Amino acid sequence: MNSLDVIDLEVGASSWLQAAPWALATMGFAALLMSAAEPAGKAIMLGSLCLACIVCFRGWLGKSSITHLRLRADGSAVLYTATGALSAALADGGWCSRCCCVVPFVETLGGRRFRCLLCHSRNSADGYRRLLVHLRLAGAGDGARGAPM
């Protein structure tokens, strides 16, 4: 297999993206504390914001089971986890930008769906560029696989 047919990528949020939920939560708390609402209303809104933060942060931190992926030119992929590797294929419904991508996969044996967050800053410039080109070509192809652009 040609080395240009395979793209090795690291999965996960970059450092600035990992800090974003904390910054948003801090701004939300500050805005609520400075608001002119009644104390009882503030207490209810602060409690709701605390619960939302707990749910979001627990979900955000628990999504890191896939650490690396190896994407082949035909749309098949190997997703590496802490416990082993999964065979998967590229699925529809992805989202791409110059700084990060959300790439969906379907497990070939079980049919489970996975979404992988791939950030430019965690990968080589060449690997990320090749991923963007691959996703654009896959989305413009037969429509059966690939992330639409």
C-alpha atoms as a PDB file:
ATOM      1  CA  MET A   1       0.000   0.000   0.000  1.00  0.00           C
ATOM      2  CA  ASN A   2       1.321   3.393  -0.969  1.00  0.00           C
ATOM      3  CA  SER A   3       2.040   5.795   1.905  1.00  0.00           C
ATOM      4  CA  LEU A   4      -0.022   8.458   0.096  1.00  0.00           C
ATOM      5  CA  ASP A   5      -3.077   6.177   0.300  1.00  0.00           C
ATOM      6  CA  VAL A   6      -3.062   6.279   4.111  1.00  0.00           C
ATOM      7  CA  ILE A   7      -3.564   9.292   6.387  1.00  0.00           C
ATOM      8  CA  ASP A   8      -2.564   8.903  10.050  1.00  0.00           C
ATOM      9  CA  LEU A   9      -4.261  11.437  12.329  1.00  0.00           C
ATOM     10  CA  GLU A  10      -4.501  12.184  16.048  1.00  0.00           C
ATOM     11  CA  VAL A  11      -8.050  12.517  17.380  1.00  0.00           C
ATOM     12  CA  GLY A  12      -9.097  15.031  20.029  1.00  0.00           C
ATOM     13  CA  ALA A  13      -9.536  18.665  20.879  1.00  0.00           C
ATOM     14  CA  SER A  14      -6.687  21.142  20.702  1.00  0.00           C
ATOM     15  CA  SER A  15      -5.615  23.030  23.810  1.00  0.00           C
ATOM     16  CA  TRP A  16      -7.616  26.168  22.929  1.00  0.00           C
ATOM     17  CA  LEU A  17     -10.730  24.105  22.269  1.00  0.00           C
ATOM     18  CA  GLN A  18     -10.351  22.289  25.594  1.00  0.00           C
ATOM     19  CA  ALA A  19     -10.302  25.671  27.379  1.00  0.00           C
ATOM     20  CA  ALA A  20     -13.418  26.982  25.605  1.00  0.00           C
ATOM     21  CA  PRO A  21     -16.076  25.298  27.843  1.00  0.00           C
ATOM     22  CA  TRP A  22     -14.345  26.622  30.966  1.00  0.00           C
ATOM     23  CA  ALA A  23     -14.210  30.144  29.538  1.00  0.00           C
ATOM     24  CA  LEU A  24     -17.884  30.026  28.531  1.00  0.00           C
ATOM     25  CA  ALA A  25     -18.939  28.717  31.946  1.00  0.00           C
ATOM     26  CA  THR A  26     -16.939  31.459  33.697  1.00  0.00           C
ATOM     27  CA  MET A  27     -18.535  34.153  31.531  1.00  0.00           C
ATOM     28  CA  GLY A  28     -21.991  32.707  32.191  1.00  0.00           C
ATOM     29  CA  PHE A  29     -21.464  32.747  35.956  1.00  0.00           C
ATOM     30  CA  ALA A  30     -20.102  36.298  35.846  1.00  0.00           C
ATOM     31  CA  ALA A  31     -23.035  37.518  33.743  1.00  0.00           C
ATOM     32  CA  LEU A  32     -25.550  35.944  36.120  1.00  0.00           C
ATOM     33  CA  LEU A  33     -23.880  37.350  39.211  1.00  0.00           C
ATOM     34  CA  MET A  34     -23.805  40.866  37.703  1.00  0.00           C
ATOM     35  CA  SER A  35     -27.395  40.744  36.490  1.00  0.00           C
ATOM     36  CA  ALA A  36     -30.169  42.750  38.145  1.00  0.00           C
ATOM     37  CA  ALA A  37     -32.385  39.710  38.655  1.00  0.00           C
ATOM     38  CA  GLU A  38     -34.036  38.877  41.975  1.00  0.00           C
ATOM     39  CA  PRO A  39     -31.891  36.783  44.351  1.00  0.00           C
ATOM     40  CA  ALA A  40     -34.250  33.812  44.036  1.00  0.00           C
ATOM     41  CA  GLY A  41     -34.095  34.043  40.222  1.00  0.00           C
ATOM     42  CA  LYS A  42     -30.310  34.253  40.336  1.00  0.00           C
ATOM     43  CA  ALA A  43     -30.165  31.180  42.570  1.00  0.00           C
ATOM     44  CA  ILE A  44     -32.353  29.170  40.175  1.00  0.00           C
ATOM     45  CA  MET A  45     -30.352  30.283  37.121  1.00  0.00           C
ATOM     46  CA  LEU A  46     -27.001  29.602  38.844  1.00  0.00           C
ATOM     47  CA  GLY A  47     -28.191  26.150  39.876  1.00  0.00           C
ATOM     48  CA  SER A  48     -29.329  25.436  36.320  1.00  0.00           C
ATOM     49  CA  LEU A  49     -26.002  26.639  34.936  1.00  0.00           C
ATOM     50  CA  CYS A  50     -24.127  24.432  37.433  1.00  0.00           C
ATOM     51  CA  LEU A  51     -26.128  21.367  36.377  1.00  0.00           C
ATOM     52  CA  ALA A  52     -25.599  22.163  32.692  1.00  0.00           C
ATOM     53  CA  CYS A  53     -21.847  22.519  33.267  1.00  0.00           C
ATOM     54  CA  ILE A  54     -21.656  19.211  35.113  1.00  0.00           C
ATOM     55  CA  VAL A  55     -23.526  17.403  32.334  1.00  0.00           C
ATOM     56  CA  CYS A  56     -21.511  19.062  29.546  1.00  0.00           C
ATOM     57  CA  PHE A  57     -18.093  18.615  31.166  1.00  0.00           C
ATOM     58  CA  ARG A  58     -18.790  14.986  32.035  1.00  0.00           C
ATOM     59  CA  GLY A  59     -19.845  14.332  28.441  1.00  0.00           C
ATOM     60  CA  TRP A  60     -16.958  16.359  27.010  1.00  0.00           C
ATOM     61  CA  LEU A  61     -14.307  14.538  29.018  1.00  0.00           C
ATOM     62  CA  GLY A  62     -15.810  11.096  28.402  1.00  0.00           C
ATOM     63  CA  LYS A  63     -15.571  11.318  24.593  1.00  0.00           C
ATOM     64  CA  SER A  64     -11.839  10.690  24.436  1.00  0.00           C
ATOM     65  CA  SER A  65     -11.910   6.926  23.843  1.00  0.00           C
ATOM     66  CA  ILE A  66     -10.615   7.124  20.236  1.00  0.00           C
ATOM     67  CA  THR A  67      -7.058   8.457  20.213  1.00  0.00           C
ATOM     68  CA  HIS A  68      -5.796   7.899  16.645  1.00  0.00           C
ATOM     69  CA  LEU A  69      -7.167   6.943  13.286  1.00  0.00           C
ATOM     70  CA  ARG A  70      -5.763   5.646  10.045  1.00  0.00           C
ATOM     71  CA  LEU A  71      -7.863   6.629   7.023  1.00  0.00           C
ATOM     72  CA  ARG A  72      -7.367   4.862   3.696  1.00  0.00           C
ATOM     73  CA  ALA A  73      -8.109   6.264   0.239  1.00  0.00           C
ATOM     74  CA  ASP A  74     -11.137   3.972  -0.223  1.00  0.00           C
ATOM     75  CA  GLY A  75     -12.892   5.448   2.856  1.00  0.00           C
ATOM     76  CA  SER A  76     -12.125   2.576   5.217  1.00  0.00           C
ATOM     77  CA  ALA A  77     -10.448   3.397   8.501  1.00  0.00           C
ATOM     78  CA  VAL A  78      -8.945   1.882  11.604  1.00  0.00           C
ATOM     79  CA  LEU A  79      -9.898   3.677  14.837  1.00  0.00           C
ATOM     80  CA  TYR A  80      -7.425   3.126  17.671  1.00  0.00           C
ATOM     81  CA  THR A  81      -8.666   3.146  21.259  1.00  0.00           C
ATOM     82  CA  ALA A  82      -6.990   2.456  24.582  1.00  0.00           C
ATOM     83  CA  THR A  83      -8.311  -1.120  24.475  1.00  0.00           C
ATOM     84  CA  GLY A  84      -7.602  -1.989  20.829  1.00  0.00           C
ATOM     85  CA  ALA A  85      -8.577  -1.110  17.286  1.00  0.00           C
ATOM     86  CA  LEU A  86     -11.891  -0.918  15.429  1.00  0.00           C
ATOM     87  CA  SER A  87     -12.497  -1.352  11.727  1.00  0.00           C
ATOM     88  CA  ALA A  88     -14.763   1.389  10.364  1.00  0.00           C
ATOM     89  CA  ALA A  89     -15.864   3.188   7.213  1.00  0.00           C
ATOM     90  CA  LEU A  90     -16.416   6.854   6.469  1.00  0.00           C
ATOM     91  CA  ALA A  91     -20.067   7.918   6.889  1.00  0.00           C
ATOM     92  CA  ASP A  92     -22.198  10.884   5.854  1.00  0.00           C
ATOM     93  CA  GLY A  93     -22.817  13.936   8.014  1.00  0.00           C
ATOM     94  CA  GLY A  94     -19.386  15.384   8.722  1.00  0.00           C
ATOM     95  CA  TRP A  95     -18.365  18.988   9.181  1.00  0.00           C
ATOM     96  CA  CYS A  96     -15.054  20.573   8.170  1.00  0.00           C
ATOM     97  CA  SER A  97     -13.251  23.861   8.542  1.00  0.00           C
ATOM     98  CA  ARG A  98      -9.647  24.998   8.327  1.00  0.00           C
ATOM     99  CA  CYS A  99      -9.061  24.572  12.060  1.00  0.00           C
ATOM    100  CA  CYS A 100     -11.068  21.428  12.952  1.00  0.00           C
ATOM    101  CA  CYS A 101     -13.242  18.658  11.484  1.00  0.00           C
ATOM    102  CA  VAL A 102     -15.909  16.358  12.857  1.00  0.00           C
ATOM    103  CA  VAL A 103     -15.663  13.154  10.845  1.00  0.00           C
ATOM    104  CA  PRO A 104     -18.320  10.426  11.248  1.00  0.00           C
ATOM    105  CA  PHE A 105     -17.520   6.722  10.966  1.00  0.00           C
ATOM    106  CA  VAL A 106     -19.605   3.530  11.025  1.00  0.00           C
ATOM    107  CA  GLU A 107     -18.118   0.384  12.507  1.00  0.00           C
ATOM    108  CA  THR A 108     -18.007  -2.301   9.823  1.00  0.00           C
ATOM    109  CA  LEU A 109     -18.951  -5.227  12.089  1.00  0.00           C
ATOM    110  CA  GLY A 110     -21.343  -3.763  14.651  1.00  0.00           C
ATOM    111  CA  GLY A 111     -22.788  -0.775  12.812  1.00  0.00           C
ATOM    112  CA  ARG A 112     -22.079   1.609  15.713  1.00  0.00           C
ATOM    113  CA  ARG A 113     -21.530   5.241  14.752  1.00  0.00           C
ATOM    114  CA  PHE A 114     -18.549   7.272  15.921  1.00  0.00           C
ATOM    115  CA  ARG A 115     -17.695  10.934  15.457  1.00  0.00           C
ATOM    116  CA  CYS A 116     -14.074  11.965  15.673  1.00  0.00           C
ATOM    117  CA  LEU A 117     -12.920  15.522  16.329  1.00  0.00           C
ATOM    118  CA  LEU A 118      -9.743  16.260  14.388  1.00  0.00           C
ATOM    119  CA  CYS A 119      -7.936  19.554  15.019  1.00  0.00           C
ATOM    120  CA  HIS A 120      -5.341  21.072  12.716  1.00  0.00           C
ATOM    121  CA  SER A 121      -3.021  21.964  15.608  1.00  0.00           C
ATOM    122  CA  ARG A 122      -2.817  18.330  16.809  1.00  0.00           C
ATOM    123  CA  ASN A 123      -1.848  16.941  13.392  1.00  0.00           C
ATOM    124  CA  SER A 124       0.789  17.591  10.775  1.00  0.00           C
ATOM    125  CA  ALA A 125      -0.071  20.244   8.211  1.00  0.00           C
ATOM    126  CA  ASP A 126       0.292  17.740   5.364  1.00  0.00           C
ATOM    127  CA  GLY A 127      -1.901  15.119   7.050  1.00  0.00           C
ATOM    128  CA  TYR A 128      -4.672  17.593   7.845  1.00  0.00           C
ATOM    129  CA  ARG A 129      -4.566  19.061   4.321  1.00  0.00           C
ATOM    130  CA  ARG A 130      -4.804  15.561   2.830  1.00  0.00           C
ATOM    131  CA  LEU A 131      -7.790  14.848   5.105  1.00  0.00           C
ATOM    132  CA  LEU A 132      -9.607  17.966   3.873  1.00  0.00           C
ATOM    133  CA  VAL A 133      -8.943  17.042   0.244  1.00  0.00           C
ATOM    134  CA  HIS A 134     -10.083  13.458   0.850  1.00  0.00           C
ATOM    135  CA  LEU A 135     -13.311  14.571   2.516  1.00  0.00           C
ATOM    136  CA  ARG A 136     -14.075  17.064  -0.254  1.00  0.00           C
ATOM    137  CA  LEU A 137     -13.493  14.430  -2.933  1.00  0.00           C
ATOM    138  CA  ALA A 138     -15.511  11.821  -1.030  1.00  0.00           C
ATOM    139  CA  GLY A 139     -18.379  14.279  -0.542  1.00  0.00           C
ATOM    140  CA  ALA A 140     -18.388  15.249  -4.225  1.00  0.00           C
ATOM    141  CA  GLY A 141     -18.243  11.632  -5.386  1.00  0.00           C
ATOM    142  CA  ASP A 142     -21.112   9.156  -5.386  1.00  0.00           C
ATOM    143  CA  GLY A 143     -22.789  10.564  -2.266  1.00  0.00           C
ATOM    144  CA  ALA A 144     -22.757   7.173  -0.564  1.00  0.00           C
ATOM    145  CA  ARG A 145     -19.881   8.030   1.726  1.00  0.00           C
ATOM    146  CA  GLY A 146     -17.918  11.032   2.836  1.00  0.00           C
ATOM    147  CA  ALA A 147     -18.534  14.210   4.722  1.00  0.00           C
ATOM    148  CA  PRO A 148     -20.459  16.777   2.702  1.00  0.00           C
ATOM    149  CA  MET A 149     -18.790  20.131   2.362  1.00  0.00           C
END
